[in-house]
C-alpha atoms as a PDB file:
ATOM      1  CA  MET A   1      -6.844 -59.045  -2.887  1.00  0.00           C
ATOM      2  CA  ASP A   2      -8.513 -55.648  -3.062  1.00  0.00           C
ATOM      3  CA  LYS A   3      -9.200 -53.375  -0.121  1.00  0.00           C
ATOM      4  CA  ILE A   4     -12.564 -53.819   1.573  1.00  0.00           C
ATOM      5  CA  ASN A   5     -14.926 -50.918   2.198  1.00  0.00           C
ATOM      6  CA  LEU A   6     -17.165 -51.822   5.152  1.00  0.00           C
ATOM      7  CA  LYS A   7     -19.900 -49.285   4.298  1.00  0.00           C
ATOM      8  CA  GLU A   8     -20.048 -50.573   0.745  1.00  0.00           C
ATOM      9  CA  LYS A   9     -20.295 -54.195   1.910  1.00  0.00           C
ATOM     10  CA  LEU A  10     -22.984 -53.317   4.481  1.00  0.00           C
ATOM     11  CA  SER A  11     -25.063 -51.638   1.746  1.00  0.00           C
ATOM     12  CA  MET A  12     -25.211 -54.958  -0.163  1.00  0.00           C
ATOM     13  CA  PHE A  13     -27.706 -56.646   2.186  1.00  0.00           C
ATOM     14  CA  SER A  14     -30.625 -55.721   4.434  1.00  0.00           C
ATOM     15  CA  GLU A  15     -31.647 -58.867   6.322  1.00  0.00           C
ATOM     16  CA  TYR A  16     -30.975 -59.146  10.043  1.00  0.00           C
ATOM     17  CA  TRP A  17     -29.093 -61.897  11.882  1.00  0.00           C
ATOM     18  CA  SER A  18     -27.566 -63.256   8.674  1.00  0.00           C
ATOM     19  CA  PRO A  19     -23.752 -62.868   8.812  1.00  0.00           C
ATOM     20  CA  LYS A  20     -21.924 -62.276   5.528  1.00  0.00           C
ATOM     21  CA  ILE A  21     -18.253 -63.181   5.089  1.00  0.00           C
ATOM     22  CA  ILE A  22     -16.020 -60.407   3.771  1.00  0.00           C
ATOM     23  CA  SER A  23     -12.587 -61.969   4.283  1.00  0.00           C
ATOM     24  CA  GLU A  24     -10.603 -64.785   5.852  1.00  0.00           C
ATOM     25  CA  LEU A  25      -7.569 -64.587   8.090  1.00  0.00           C
ATOM     26  CA  ASN A  26      -5.844 -67.935   8.601  1.00  0.00           C
ATOM     27  CA  ASP A  27      -8.609 -70.204   9.937  1.00  0.00           C
ATOM     28  CA  TYR A  28     -10.880 -67.271  10.877  1.00  0.00           C
ATOM     29  CA  GLN A  29     -13.668 -65.539   8.988  1.00  0.00           C
ATOM     30  CA  ILE A  30     -14.434 -61.847   9.220  1.00  0.00           C
ATOM     31  CA  LYS A  31     -18.173 -61.292   8.930  1.00  0.00           C
ATOM     32  CA  LEU A  32     -20.549 -58.350   8.778  1.00  0.00           C
ATOM     33  CA  VAL A  33     -24.063 -58.602  10.153  1.00  0.00           C
ATOM     34  CA  LYS A  34     -26.994 -56.294  10.766  1.00  0.00           C
ATOM     35  CA  ILE A  35     -28.973 -56.950  13.906  1.00  0.00           C
ATOM     36  CA  LYS A  36     -32.255 -55.703  15.340  1.00  0.00           C
ATOM     37  CA  ASP A  37     -34.454 -56.956  18.211  1.00  0.00           C
ATOM     38  CA  SER A  38     -33.518 -60.086  20.166  1.00  0.00           C
ATOM     39  CA  PHE A  39     -31.511 -63.064  19.013  1.00  0.00           C
ATOM     40  CA  VAL A  40     -31.686 -66.516  20.620  1.00  0.00           C
ATOM     41  CA  TRP A  41     -29.894 -67.599  23.772  1.00  0.00           C
ATOM     42  CA  HIS A  42     -26.897 -69.624  22.669  1.00  0.00           C
ATOM     43  CA  SER A  43     -23.254 -70.437  23.309  1.00  0.00           C
ATOM     44  CA  HIS A  44     -20.262 -71.624  21.322  1.00  0.00           C
ATOM     45  CA  ASN A  45     -18.583 -74.466  23.177  1.00  0.00           C
ATOM     46  CA  ASP A  46     -15.372 -74.473  21.133  1.00  0.00           C
ATOM     47  CA  THR A  47     -14.628 -70.814  20.459  1.00  0.00           C
ATOM     48  CA  ASP A  48     -14.772 -67.263  21.737  1.00  0.00           C
ATOM     49  CA  GLU A  49     -16.893 -64.775  19.752  1.00  0.00           C
ATOM     50  CA  LEU A  50     -15.838 -61.196  18.977  1.00  0.00           C
ATOM     51  CA  PHE A  51     -18.472 -58.462  18.506  1.00  0.00           C
ATOM     52  CA  LEU A  52     -17.261 -55.097  17.116  1.00  0.00           C
ATOM     53  CA  VAL A  53     -19.880 -52.362  16.691  1.00  0.00           C
ATOM     54  CA  ILE A  54     -19.432 -50.411  13.470  1.00  0.00           C
ATOM     55  CA  GLU A  55     -22.641 -48.352  13.629  1.00  0.00           C
ATOM     56  CA  GLY A  56     -25.392 -48.111  16.245  1.00  0.00           C
ATOM     57  CA  ASN A  57     -25.457 -49.770  19.635  1.00  0.00           C
ATOM     58  CA  MET A  58     -26.318 -53.166  21.008  1.00  0.00           C
ATOM     59  CA  LYS A  59     -26.492 -55.148  24.194  1.00  0.00           C
ATOM     60  CA  ILE A  60     -25.278 -58.623  25.002  1.00  0.00           C
ATOM     61  CA  GLU A  61     -27.330 -60.293  27.702  1.00  0.00           C
ATOM     62  CA  PHE A  62     -25.842 -62.891  29.992  1.00  0.00           C
ATOM     63  CA  LYS A  63     -27.627 -64.837  32.736  1.00  0.00           C
ATOM     64  CA  ASP A  64     -26.174 -62.546  35.414  1.00  0.00           C
ATOM     65  CA  ARG A  65     -25.649 -59.198  33.645  1.00  0.00           C
ATOM     66  CA  THR A  66     -25.976 -57.178  30.446  1.00  0.00           C
ATOM     67  CA  ILE A  67     -23.271 -55.191  28.700  1.00  0.00           C
ATOM     68  CA  GLU A  68     -23.867 -52.351  26.258  1.00  0.00           C
ATOM     69  CA  LEU A  69     -21.675 -51.709  23.240  1.00  0.00           C
ATOM     70  CA  ASN A  70     -21.613 -48.467  21.285  1.00  0.00           C
ATOM     71  CA  GLU A  71     -19.941 -47.520  17.986  1.00  0.00           C
ATOM     72  CA  GLY A  72     -16.249 -48.333  18.056  1.00  0.00           C
ATOM     73  CA  GLU A  73     -16.526 -50.696  21.032  1.00  0.00           C
ATOM     74  CA  MET A  74     -16.000 -54.430  21.075  1.00  0.00           C
ATOM     75  CA  TYR A  75     -16.439 -57.364  23.392  1.00  0.00           C
ATOM     76  CA  VAL A  76     -15.253 -60.961  23.316  1.00  0.00           C
ATOM     77  CA  VAL A  77     -17.736 -63.520  24.657  1.00  0.00           C
ATOM     78  CA  PRO A  78     -15.695 -66.401  26.105  1.00  0.00           C
ATOM     79  CA  LYS A  79     -16.360 -69.868  24.740  1.00  0.00           C
ATOM     80  CA  GLY A  80     -19.093 -71.804  26.475  1.00  0.00           C
ATOM     81  CA  ILE A  81     -20.806 -68.709  27.944  1.00  0.00           C
ATOM     82  CA  GLU A  82     -24.524 -68.481  27.140  1.00  0.00           C
ATOM     83  CA  HIS A  83     -25.474 -65.091  25.741  1.00  0.00           C
ATOM     84  CA  ARG A  84     -28.100 -63.273  23.689  1.00  0.00           C
ATOM     85  CA  PRO A  85     -27.327 -60.243  21.498  1.00  0.00           C
ATOM     86  CA  TYR A  86     -29.994 -57.551  21.257  1.00  0.00           C
ATOM     87  CA  ALA A  87     -30.399 -54.200  19.493  1.00  0.00           C
ATOM     88  CA  LYS A  88     -33.413 -51.915  19.891  1.00  0.00           C
ATOM     89  CA  ASN A  89     -32.619 -50.269  16.550  1.00  0.00           C
ATOM     90  CA  GLU A  90     -30.583 -51.512  13.622  1.00  0.00           C
ATOM     91  CA  CYS A  91     -26.953 -52.096  14.556  1.00  0.00           C
ATOM     92  CA  LYS A  92     -24.141 -52.995  12.175  1.00  0.00           C
ATOM     93  CA  ILE A  93     -21.424 -55.204  13.592  1.00  0.00           C
ATOM     94  CA  MET A  94     -18.362 -57.196  12.648  1.00  0.00           C
ATOM     95  CA  LEU A  95     -17.803 -60.725  13.911  1.00  0.00           C
ATOM     96  CA  ILE A  96     -14.495 -62.556  13.895  1.00  0.00           C
ATOM     97  CA  GLU A  97     -14.731 -66.284  14.442  1.00  0.00           C
ATOM     98  CA  PRO A  98     -13.277 -69.569  13.188  1.00  0.00           C
ATOM     99  CA  LYS A  99     -14.523 -71.028   9.913  1.00  0.00           C
ATOM    100  CA  GLY A 100     -17.604 -73.198  10.332  1.00  0.00           C
ATOM    101  CA  VAL A 101     -19.073 -71.512  13.423  1.00  0.00           C
ATOM    102  CA  ILE A 102     -22.877 -71.660  13.416  1.00  0.00           C
ATOM    103  CA  ASN A 103     -24.400 -68.331  14.459  1.00  0.00           C
ATOM    104  CA  THR A 104     -26.908 -69.935  16.851  1.00  0.00           C
ATOM    105  CA  GLY A 105     -24.414 -72.374  18.384  1.00  0.00           C
ATOM    106  CA  GLU A 106     -26.150 -75.570  19.459  1.00  0.00           C
ATOM    107  CA  ASN A 107     -29.557 -73.813  19.496  1.00  0.00           C
ATOM    108  CA  LYS A 108     -30.501 -74.348  15.843  1.00  0.00           C
ATOM    109  CA  GLY A 109     -33.778 -72.812  14.647  1.00  0.00           C
ATOM    110  CA  GLU A 110     -35.295 -70.243  12.319  1.00  0.00           C
ATOM    111  CA  LEU A 111     -32.486 -67.723  12.984  1.00  0.00           C
ATOM    112  CA  THR A 112     -29.740 -70.206  12.093  1.00  0.00           C
ATOM    113  CA  ALA A 113     -28.002 -68.629   9.090  1.00  0.00           C
ATOM    114  CA  SER A 114     -26.264 -70.246   6.145  1.00  0.00           C
ATOM    115  CA  ASN A 115     -22.636 -70.560   7.075  1.00  0.00           C
ATOM    116  CA  ASP A 116     -20.642 -69.646   3.964  1.00  0.00           C
ATOM    117  CA  VAL A 117     -22.317 -66.623   2.383  1.00  0.00           C
ATOM    118  CA  TRP A 118     -19.765 -64.193   0.949  1.00  0.00           C
ATOM    119  CA  ILE A 119     -20.393 -60.619  -0.178  1.00  0.00           C
END
Protein backbone atom coordinates (compact mmCIF):
# COMPACT_ATOMS: atom_id res chain seq x y z
CA MET A 1 0.00 0.00 0.00
CA ASP A 2 1.25 3.47 -0.89
CA LYS A 3 0.94 6.54 1.28
CA ILE A 4 -2.19 8.63 0.77
CA ASN A 5 -2.05 12.37 0.12
CA LEU A 6 -5.36 13.89 1.26
CA LYS A 7 -5.01 17.07 -0.84
CA GLU A 8 -4.30 15.01 -3.93
CA LYS A 9 -7.32 12.77 -3.31
CA LEU A 10 -9.58 15.78 -2.65
CA SER A 11 -8.51 17.32 -5.98
CA MET A 12 -9.86 14.25 -7.82
CA PHE A 13 -13.56 15.12 -7.38
CA SER A 14 -15.78 18.18 -7.11
CA GLU A 15 -19.30 16.97 -6.30
CA TYR A 16 -20.78 17.60 -2.87
CA TRP A 17 -22.24 15.05 -0.45
CA SER A 18 -20.71 12.11 -2.32
CA PRO A 19 -18.19 10.33 -0.04
CA LYS A 20 -15.18 8.69 -1.69
CA ILE A 21 -13.31 5.81 -0.05
CA ILE A 22 -9.55 6.25 0.27
CA SER A 23 -8.69 3.31 2.54
CA GLU A 24 -10.01 0.57 4.78
CA LEU A 25 -9.06 -0.24 8.35
CA ASN A 26 -10.39 -3.59 9.55
CA ASP A 27 -14.16 -3.35 8.97
CA TYR A 28 -14.09 0.47 8.64
CA GLN A 29 -13.82 2.72 5.61
CA ILE A 30 -12.01 6.05 5.58
CA LYS A 31 -13.81 8.46 3.28
CA LEU A 32 -13.30 11.98 1.98
CA VAL A 33 -16.25 14.19 1.13
CA LYS A 34 -16.84 17.79 0.13
CA ILE A 35 -19.91 19.42 1.57
CA LYS A 36 -21.78 22.67 0.99
CA ASP A 37 -25.25 23.87 2.05
CA SER A 38 -27.59 21.60 4.02
CA PHE A 39 -27.75 17.83 4.02
CA VAL A 40 -30.82 15.82 5.05
CA TRP A 41 -31.87 15.03 8.60
CA HIS A 42 -30.83 11.45 9.26
CA SER A 43 -29.42 9.01 11.79
CA HIS A 44 -27.44 5.78 11.76
CA ASN A 45 -29.09 3.28 14.07
CA ASP A 46 -26.19 0.82 14.18
CA THR A 47 -23.07 2.98 14.25
CA ASP A 48 -21.46 6.19 15.42
CA GLU A 49 -20.24 8.62 12.74
CA LEU A 50 -16.94 10.51 12.89
CA PHE A 51 -16.57 13.91 11.18
CA LEU A 52 -13.03 15.35 10.90
CA VAL A 53 -12.68 18.76 9.23
CA ILE A 54 -9.67 18.95 6.93
CA GLU A 55 -10.38 22.36 5.38
CA GLY A 56 -13.11 24.93 6.01
CA ASN A 57 -15.77 24.81 8.68
CA MET A 58 -19.12 23.15 9.14
CA LYS A 59 -21.96 22.77 11.56
CA ILE A 60 -23.83 19.71 12.71
CA GLU A 61 -27.40 20.46 13.70
CA PHE A 62 -29.22 18.39 16.28
CA LYS A 63 -32.82 18.80 17.43
CA ASP A 64 -31.69 20.61 20.59
CA ARG A 65 -28.40 22.30 19.61
CA THR A 66 -25.83 22.97 16.90
CA ILE A 67 -22.09 22.41 17.09
CA GLU A 68 -19.51 24.12 14.90
CA LEU A 69 -16.37 22.40 13.67
CA ASN A 70 -13.34 24.20 12.27
CA GLU A 71 -10.19 22.91 10.54
CA GLY A 72 -8.49 20.26 12.62
CA GLU A 73 -11.55 19.58 14.79
CA MET A 74 -13.65 16.45 14.91
CA TYR A 75 -16.87 15.21 16.41
CA VAL A 76 -18.42 11.78 16.81
CA VAL A 77 -22.21 11.65 16.39
CA PRO A 78 -23.48 8.79 18.56
CA LYS A 79 -25.49 6.07 16.87
CA GLY A 80 -29.20 6.68 16.66
CA ILE A 81 -28.94 10.47 17.08
CA GLU A 82 -30.70 12.46 14.35
CA HIS A 83 -28.45 15.12 12.85
CA ARG A 84 -27.95 17.30 9.78
CA PRO A 85 -24.52 18.47 8.58
CA TYR A 86 -24.30 21.93 7.04
CA ALA A 87 -21.58 24.14 5.54
CA LYS A 88 -22.14 27.69 4.31
CA ASN A 89 -19.06 27.41 2.09
CA GLU A 90 -17.27 24.37 0.74
CA CYS A 91 -15.85 22.21 3.52
CA LYS A 92 -13.62 19.18 3.08
CA ILE A 93 -14.03 16.44 5.65
CA MET A 94 -13.00 12.91 6.47
CA LEU A 95 -15.51 10.31 7.63
CA ILE A 96 -14.66 7.06 9.37
CA GLU A 97 -17.45 4.53 9.48
CA PRO A 98 -18.10 0.80 9.07
CA LYS A 99 -18.30 -0.69 5.59
CA GLY A 100 -21.77 -0.49 4.08
CA VAL A 101 -23.01 2.63 5.91
CA ILE A 102 -25.42 4.63 3.76
CA ASN A 103 -24.69 8.36 3.95
CA THR A 104 -28.36 9.32 4.43
CA GLY A 105 -29.11 6.57 6.96
CA GLU A 106 -32.72 5.45 6.69
CA ASN A 107 -33.69 8.70 4.91
CA LYS A 108 -32.94 7.62 1.33
CA GLY A 109 -33.40 10.23 -1.41
CA GLU A 110 -31.61 12.28 -4.03
CA LEU A 111 -28.57 12.85 -1.77
CA THR A 112 -28.08 9.14 -1.10
CA ALA A 113 -24.62 8.39 -2.52
CA SER A 114 -23.25 5.22 -4.07
CA ASN A 115 -21.65 3.27 -1.28
CA ASP A 116 -18.42 1.84 -2.68
CA VAL A 117 -16.77 4.56 -4.76
CA TRP A 118 -12.98 4.53 -4.37
CA ILE A 119 -10.55 7.24 -5.45
